[in-house]
Amino acid sequence: MNTGGKILWQEMQKRGIGPAGPLLGICLAGPFFGTQLDPNDYIFRWSIPIET
């Protein structure tokens, strides 16, 4: 989990929100980067169901 995922998790804990399922991370990278990618070059999108 990168920094963005950690921040999301900390905000949920601070607000008293619990997960209703797993945290899903989608990593996007352009098609011409090759196989040697620095994790800081990824674009992450996070999705997590929350308890209501």
N, C-alpha and C. Protein backbone atom coordinates (compact mmCIF):
# COMPACT_ATOMS: atom_id res chain seq x y z
N MET A 1 0.86 -1.17 0.00
CA MET A 1 0.00 0.00 0.00
C MET A 1 0.90 1.24 0.00
N ASN A 2 0.63 2.14 -0.92
CA ASN A 2 1.45 3.35 -0.97
C ASN A 2 0.92 4.41 -0.01
N THR A 3 1.49 5.58 -0.05
CA THR A 3 1.13 6.66 0.87
C THR A 3 -0.35 7.01 0.78
N GLY A 4 -0.91 7.07 -0.43
CA GLY A 4 -2.32 7.40 -0.59
C GLY A 4 -3.24 6.42 0.11
N GLY A 5 -2.94 5.14 0.01
CA GLY A 5 -3.75 4.13 0.69
C GLY A 5 -3.64 4.24 2.20
N LYS A 6 -2.46 4.55 2.69
CA LYS A 6 -2.27 4.73 4.13
C LYS A 6 -3.05 5.93 4.64
N ILE A 7 -3.03 7.02 3.87
CA ILE A 7 -3.77 8.22 4.26
C ILE A 7 -5.27 7.93 4.30
N LEU A 8 -5.76 7.21 3.29
CA LEU A 8 -7.18 6.83 3.25
C LEU A 8 -7.54 6.01 4.50
N TRP A 9 -6.72 5.06 4.82
CA TRP A 9 -6.98 4.19 5.98
C TRP A 9 -6.97 5.00 7.28
N GLN A 10 -6.01 5.91 7.42
CA GLN A 10 -5.93 6.75 8.63
C GLN A 10 -7.15 7.66 8.75
N GLU A 11 -7.61 8.22 7.64
CA GLU A 11 -8.80 9.08 7.67
C GLU A 11 -10.03 8.27 8.08
N MET A 12 -10.14 7.06 7.59
CA MET A 12 -11.28 6.22 7.97
C MET A 12 -11.25 5.95 9.47
N GLN A 13 -10.08 5.63 10.00
CA GLN A 13 -9.97 5.36 11.43
C GLN A 13 -10.30 6.61 12.24
N LYS A 14 -9.82 7.76 11.80
CA LYS A 14 -10.05 9.02 12.50
C LYS A 14 -11.55 9.35 12.54
N ARG A 15 -12.28 9.02 11.49
CA ARG A 15 -13.71 9.32 11.41
C ARG A 15 -14.59 8.20 11.96
N GLY A 16 -13.96 7.12 12.41
CA GLY A 16 -14.72 6.01 12.97
C GLY A 16 -15.47 5.21 11.92
N ILE A 17 -14.97 5.22 10.70
CA ILE A 17 -15.58 4.46 9.60
C ILE A 17 -14.85 3.14 9.46
N GLY A 18 -15.61 2.07 9.37
CA GLY A 18 -15.01 0.76 9.20
C GLY A 18 -15.24 0.20 7.81
N PRO A 19 -14.36 -0.65 7.34
CA PRO A 19 -14.53 -1.24 6.03
C PRO A 19 -15.59 -2.34 6.05
N ALA A 20 -16.36 -2.42 4.98
CA ALA A 20 -17.34 -3.49 4.82
C ALA A 20 -16.82 -4.55 3.86
N GLY A 21 -15.58 -4.39 3.43
CA GLY A 21 -14.96 -5.32 2.50
C GLY A 21 -13.50 -4.93 2.31
N PRO A 22 -12.83 -5.59 1.40
CA PRO A 22 -11.40 -5.33 1.22
C PRO A 22 -11.12 -4.00 0.50
N LEU A 23 -9.97 -3.42 0.79
CA LEU A 23 -9.47 -2.24 0.11
C LEU A 23 -8.95 -2.69 -1.25
N LEU A 24 -9.44 -2.07 -2.30
CA LEU A 24 -9.02 -2.42 -3.65
C LEU A 24 -8.17 -1.29 -4.22
N GLY A 25 -6.99 -1.61 -4.65
CA GLY A 25 -6.11 -0.62 -5.26
C GLY A 25 -5.93 -0.92 -6.73
N ILE A 26 -6.12 0.09 -7.56
CA ILE A 26 -5.94 -0.05 -9.00
C ILE A 26 -4.71 0.77 -9.36
N CYS A 27 -3.75 0.14 -9.97
CA CYS A 27 -2.51 0.80 -10.34
C CYS A 27 -2.51 1.00 -11.85
N LEU A 28 -2.29 2.23 -12.27
CA LEU A 28 -2.26 2.55 -13.69
C LEU A 28 -0.85 2.97 -14.09
N ALA A 29 -0.40 2.48 -15.21
CA ALA A 29 0.89 2.88 -15.77
C ALA A 29 0.75 2.91 -17.29
N GLY A 30 1.43 3.82 -17.92
CA GLY A 30 1.37 3.93 -19.37
C GLY A 30 1.96 2.71 -20.06
N PRO A 31 1.57 2.45 -21.29
CA PRO A 31 2.00 1.23 -22.00
C PRO A 31 3.47 1.24 -22.41
N PHE A 32 4.15 2.37 -22.35
CA PHE A 32 5.51 2.44 -22.86
C PHE A 32 6.56 2.56 -21.76
N PHE A 33 6.20 2.26 -20.52
CA PHE A 33 7.15 2.38 -19.42
C PHE A 33 8.12 1.21 -19.33
N GLY A 34 7.75 0.07 -19.85
CA GLY A 34 8.59 -1.12 -19.72
C GLY A 34 8.29 -1.84 -18.42
N THR A 35 9.23 -2.67 -17.98
CA THR A 35 8.99 -3.48 -16.78
C THR A 35 9.69 -2.93 -15.54
N GLN A 36 10.59 -2.00 -15.67
CA GLN A 36 11.33 -1.45 -14.53
C GLN A 36 10.67 -0.16 -14.08
N LEU A 37 9.59 -0.30 -13.31
CA LEU A 37 8.81 0.87 -12.88
C LEU A 37 9.12 1.23 -11.43
N ASP A 38 9.30 2.49 -11.18
CA ASP A 38 9.43 3.00 -9.83
C ASP A 38 8.02 3.12 -9.26
N PRO A 39 7.73 2.53 -8.09
CA PRO A 39 6.37 2.63 -7.53
C PRO A 39 5.85 4.05 -7.39
N ASN A 40 6.74 5.03 -7.28
CA ASN A 40 6.30 6.42 -7.18
C ASN A 40 5.79 6.97 -8.51
N ASP A 41 6.02 6.24 -9.61
CA ASP A 41 5.54 6.66 -10.92
C ASP A 41 4.15 6.12 -11.24
N TYR A 42 3.63 5.25 -10.41
CA TYR A 42 2.29 4.71 -10.64
C TYR A 42 1.23 5.74 -10.31
N ILE A 43 0.08 5.57 -10.92
CA ILE A 43 -1.11 6.33 -10.54
C ILE A 43 -2.03 5.33 -9.85
N PHE A 44 -2.39 5.62 -8.61
CA PHE A 44 -3.24 4.72 -7.85
C PHE A 44 -4.64 5.27 -7.70
N ARG A 45 -5.61 4.41 -7.75
CA ARG A 45 -7.00 4.74 -7.43
C ARG A 45 -7.43 3.73 -6.38
N TRP A 46 -8.08 4.22 -5.34
CA TRP A 46 -8.48 3.36 -4.24
C TRP A 46 -9.99 3.25 -4.17
N SER A 47 -10.45 2.08 -3.83
CA SER A 47 -11.89 1.84 -3.66
C SER A 47 -12.05 0.95 -2.44
N ILE A 48 -12.97 1.35 -1.56
CA ILE A 48 -13.23 0.54 -0.38
C ILE A 48 -14.70 0.71 0.02
N PRO A 49 -15.40 -0.40 0.18
CA PRO A 49 -16.77 -0.29 0.69
C PRO A 49 -16.73 0.05 2.17
N ILE A 50 -17.63 0.91 2.62
CA ILE A 50 -17.64 1.30 4.02
C ILE A 50 -18.95 0.88 4.68
N GLU A 51 -18.90 0.70 5.99
CA GLU A 51 -20.08 0.36 6.76
C GLU A 51 -21.03 1.55 6.79
N THR A 52 -22.32 1.28 6.72
CA THR A 52 -23.29 2.36 6.81
C THR A 52 -24.16 2.19 8.04
